[in-house]
Structure formats: structure tokens, C-alpha cells
């Protein structure tokens, strides 16, 4: 059964998940916007999405680029969870997973590390 949660509470959980990022890594995050949307229109089951140029791929031509985006999909996450505690955990995993893509960590490695 899906969990019901206000948009404000969900956004609070995303903010709390961002606070889990160690300060030395948080300081390295630049030109990234974190958004919350209901669902991805092309893949309704998608939990999160990083869209941009990973830090490891940036070069001298990157300057002046629009911000990268990390989108967390509220309805997809709420739908897969049975409790608020599970939502808290899944939001944290999803946020960290997408931030890892910003740092250039690929999907396979994230799964090996337990963040898949």
C-alpha cells in the first residue's frame, strides 16, 4: 500500500537527505539544482534522475552552463513504500544515488556499494 504524505513533508525529507552528504563532498557540489516532481513522464516508475555533466566529465568549456538537475520523483517513491520510515530510507538512498552520478559514479558501481 502506498504511503500518503504532503508535498511539504516529502520536500523536507529530500532536504534531510541532502544534509547526510559529508561537508567535504557537499562543498564540491556546484551548479546543481535539486527538484521534486510527481513522476517522470517517460518512465513513471523512476525514483530519481540526474541530468547534466558529471564532475568527472567537466572541462574548460563547462563554464556558463545551465545548472545540472537532480529530480526526485515523489509519487513513485511513495508508491513503493509501506511506511513513512521506509520513505525516509528510500528518499535518502535515491538522493545519495543521484548525487553520486554528479560525482561520476556509474550505476554498476553504485549497486556494488549498496546504493543501487
C-alpha atoms as a PDB file:
ATOM      1  CA  UNK A   1       0.000   0.000   0.000  1.00  0.00           C
ATOM      2  CA  UNK A   2       1.353   3.426  -0.953  1.00  0.00           C
ATOM      3  CA  UNK A   3       2.205   5.969   1.718  1.00  0.00           C
ATOM      4  CA  UNK A   4       0.319   9.263   1.841  1.00  0.00           C
ATOM      5  CA  UNK A   5       2.440  12.325   2.568  1.00  0.00           C
ATOM      6  CA  UNK A   6       2.167  16.061   1.981  1.00  0.00           C
ATOM      7  CA  UNK A   7       4.418  17.661  -0.615  1.00  0.00           C
ATOM      8  CA  UNK A   8       5.976  19.813   2.137  1.00  0.00           C
ATOM      9  CA  UNK A   9       6.858  16.779   4.260  1.00  0.00           C
ATOM     10  CA  UNK A  10       8.343  14.987   1.258  1.00  0.00           C
ATOM     11  CA  UNK A  11      10.469  18.021   0.361  1.00  0.00           C
ATOM     12  CA  UNK A  12      11.613  18.125   3.984  1.00  0.00           C
ATOM     13  CA  UNK A  13      12.801  14.517   3.641  1.00  0.00           C
ATOM     14  CA  UNK A  14      14.735  15.417   0.489  1.00  0.00           C
ATOM     15  CA  UNK A  15      16.363  18.306   2.362  1.00  0.00           C
ATOM     16  CA  UNK A  16      17.251  15.999   5.258  1.00  0.00           C
ATOM     17  CA  UNK A  17      18.761  13.515   2.815  1.00  0.00           C
ATOM     18  CA  UNK A  18      20.925  16.275   1.334  1.00  0.00           C
ATOM     19  CA  UNK A  19      22.124  17.060   4.865  1.00  0.00           C
ATOM     20  CA  UNK A  20      23.509  13.494   5.045  1.00  0.00           C
ATOM     21  CA  UNK A  21      26.160  14.364   2.467  1.00  0.00           C
ATOM     22  CA  UNK A  22      29.519  14.805   4.203  1.00  0.00           C
ATOM     23  CA  UNK A  23      30.515  18.504   4.307  1.00  0.00           C
ATOM     24  CA  UNK A  24      33.680  17.981   2.254  1.00  0.00           C
ATOM     25  CA  UNK A  25      31.595  16.472  -0.557  1.00  0.00           C
ATOM     26  CA  UNK A  26      28.779  19.000  -0.193  1.00  0.00           C
ATOM     27  CA  UNK A  27      31.297  21.816  -0.718  1.00  0.00           C
ATOM     28  CA  UNK A  28      32.318  20.199  -4.019  1.00  0.00           C
ATOM     29  CA  UNK A  29      28.768  20.296  -5.384  1.00  0.00           C
ATOM     30  CA  UNK A  30      28.397  23.251  -7.707  1.00  0.00           C
ATOM     31  CA  UNK A  31      25.819  24.344 -10.261  1.00  0.00           C
ATOM     32  CA  UNK A  32      23.243  21.682  -9.320  1.00  0.00           C
ATOM     33  CA  UNK A  33      19.553  22.159  -8.585  1.00  0.00           C
ATOM     34  CA  UNK A  34      17.543  19.527  -6.717  1.00  0.00           C
ATOM     35  CA  UNK A  35      13.896  19.339  -7.739  1.00  0.00           C
ATOM     36  CA  UNK A  36      10.910  17.307  -6.577  1.00  0.00           C
ATOM     37  CA  UNK A  37       8.325  16.289  -9.166  1.00  0.00           C
ATOM     38  CA  UNK A  38       5.455  13.835  -9.071  1.00  0.00           C
ATOM     39  CA  UNK A  39       6.662  11.417 -11.773  1.00  0.00           C
ATOM     40  CA  UNK A  40       8.896  11.144 -14.797  1.00  0.00           C
ATOM     41  CA  UNK A  41       6.602  11.325 -17.808  1.00  0.00           C
ATOM     42  CA  UNK A  42       8.674   8.821 -19.820  1.00  0.00           C
ATOM     43  CA  UNK A  43       9.316   6.334 -17.004  1.00  0.00           C
ATOM     44  CA  UNK A  44       6.609   6.630 -14.305  1.00  0.00           C
ATOM     45  CA  UNK A  45       8.399   4.154 -12.011  1.00  0.00           C
ATOM     46  CA  UNK A  46      11.658   6.118 -11.972  1.00  0.00           C
ATOM     47  CA  UNK A  47      12.631   7.249  -8.461  1.00  0.00           C
ATOM     48  CA  UNK A  48      15.232   9.867  -9.313  1.00  0.00           C
ATOM     49  CA  UNK A  49      17.200  11.276 -12.224  1.00  0.00           C
ATOM     50  CA  UNK A  50      20.487  13.151 -12.596  1.00  0.00           C
ATOM     51  CA  UNK A  51      20.624  15.260 -15.727  1.00  0.00           C
ATOM     52  CA  UNK A  52      23.799  17.123 -16.501  1.00  0.00           C
ATOM     53  CA  UNK A  53      27.522  16.823 -16.938  1.00  0.00           C
ATOM     54  CA  UNK A  54      29.203  14.788 -14.210  1.00  0.00           C
ATOM     55  CA  UNK A  55      32.019  16.490 -12.343  1.00  0.00           C
ATOM     56  CA  UNK A  56      34.473  13.983 -13.813  1.00  0.00           C
ATOM     57  CA  UNK A  57      33.400  14.980 -17.349  1.00  0.00           C
ATOM     58  CA  UNK A  58      33.588  18.755 -16.993  1.00  0.00           C
ATOM     59  CA  UNK A  59      36.270  20.624 -18.846  1.00  0.00           C
ATOM     60  CA  UNK A  60      37.126  24.242 -19.656  1.00  0.00           C
ATOM     61  CA  UNK A  61      34.028  24.511 -21.880  1.00  0.00           C
ATOM     62  CA  UNK A  62      31.674  23.843 -18.969  1.00  0.00           C
ATOM     63  CA  UNK A  63      31.666  27.445 -17.693  1.00  0.00           C
ATOM     64  CA  UNK A  64      28.393  29.302 -18.170  1.00  0.00           C
ATOM     65  CA  UNK A  65      26.375  26.092 -18.442  1.00  0.00           C
ATOM     66  CA  UNK A  66      22.866  25.845 -17.066  1.00  0.00           C
ATOM     67  CA  UNK A  67      22.703  24.041 -13.734  1.00  0.00           C
ATOM     68  CA  UNK A  68      22.603  20.267 -13.671  1.00  0.00           C
ATOM     69  CA  UNK A  69      19.393  18.901 -12.190  1.00  0.00           C
ATOM     70  CA  UNK A  70      18.618  16.126  -9.790  1.00  0.00           C
ATOM     71  CA  UNK A  71      14.948  15.277  -9.802  1.00  0.00           C
ATOM     72  CA  UNK A  72      13.368  13.159  -7.081  1.00  0.00           C
ATOM     73  CA  UNK A  73      10.022  11.640  -8.043  1.00  0.00           C
ATOM     74  CA  UNK A  74       7.615  11.860  -5.119  1.00  0.00           C
ATOM     75  CA  UNK A  75       4.714   9.690  -6.268  1.00  0.00           C
ATOM     76  CA  UNK A  76       6.958   6.862  -7.484  1.00  0.00           C
ATOM     77  CA  UNK A  77       8.762   6.769  -4.134  1.00  0.00           C
ATOM     78  CA  UNK A  78       5.587   6.960  -2.071  1.00  0.00           C
ATOM     79  CA  UNK A  79       4.008   4.231  -4.164  1.00  0.00           C
ATOM     80  CA  UNK A  80       6.808   1.744  -3.480  1.00  0.00           C
ATOM     81  CA  UNK A  81       6.831   2.261   0.297  1.00  0.00           C
ATOM     82  CA  UNK A  82       4.665   0.809   3.062  1.00  0.00           C
ATOM     83  CA  UNK A  83       5.567   3.226   5.864  1.00  0.00           C
ATOM     84  CA  UNK A  84       6.932   6.705   6.470  1.00  0.00           C
ATOM     85  CA  UNK A  85      10.125   5.131   7.834  1.00  0.00           C
ATOM     86  CA  UNK A  86      10.607   3.336   4.535  1.00  0.00           C
ATOM     87  CA  UNK A  87      10.009   6.604   2.642  1.00  0.00           C
ATOM     88  CA  UNK A  88      12.720   8.284   4.734  1.00  0.00           C
ATOM     89  CA  UNK A  89      15.147   5.494   3.850  1.00  0.00           C
ATOM     90  CA  UNK A  90      14.264   5.346   0.150  1.00  0.00           C
ATOM     91  CA  UNK A  91      14.437   9.126  -0.266  1.00  0.00           C
ATOM     92  CA  UNK A  92      17.917   9.129   1.315  1.00  0.00           C
ATOM     93  CA  UNK A  93      19.095   6.285  -0.925  1.00  0.00           C
ATOM     94  CA  UNK A  94      17.671   7.990  -4.029  1.00  0.00           C
ATOM     95  CA  UNK A  95      19.179  11.394  -3.233  1.00  0.00           C
ATOM     96  CA  UNK A  96      22.618   9.902  -2.478  1.00  0.00           C
ATOM     97  CA  UNK A  97      22.366   7.756  -5.630  1.00  0.00           C
ATOM     98  CA  UNK A  98      21.709  10.783  -7.845  1.00  0.00           C
ATOM     99  CA  UNK A  99      24.380  12.903  -6.135  1.00  0.00           C
ATOM    100  CA  UNK A 100      26.815  10.059  -6.812  1.00  0.00           C
ATOM    101  CA  UNK A 101      26.042  10.365 -10.534  1.00  0.00           C
ATOM    102  CA  UNK A 102      27.030  14.043 -10.274  1.00  0.00           C
ATOM    103  CA  UNK A 103      30.414  12.865  -8.978  1.00  0.00           C
ATOM    104  CA  UNK A 104      30.706  10.478 -11.939  1.00  0.00           C
ATOM    105  CA  UNK A 105      29.906   7.216 -10.166  1.00  0.00           C
ATOM    106  CA  UNK A 106      28.231   4.844 -12.591  1.00  0.00           C
ATOM    107  CA  UNK A 107      25.171   2.663 -11.969  1.00  0.00           C
ATOM    108  CA  UNK A 108      27.087  -0.611 -11.676  1.00  0.00           C
ATOM    109  CA  UNK A 109      29.442   0.789  -9.034  1.00  0.00           C
ATOM    110  CA  UNK A 110      26.541   2.245  -7.053  1.00  0.00           C
ATOM    111  CA  UNK A 111      24.938  -1.193  -6.908  1.00  0.00           C
ATOM    112  CA  UNK A 112      28.234  -2.685  -5.719  1.00  0.00           C
ATOM    113  CA  UNK A 113      28.362  -0.072  -2.957  1.00  0.00           C
ATOM    114  CA  UNK A 114      24.775  -0.773  -1.890  1.00  0.00           C
ATOM    115  CA  UNK A 115      23.307   2.470  -3.238  1.00  0.00           C
ATOM    116  CA  UNK A 116      21.576   0.902  -6.237  1.00  0.00           C
END
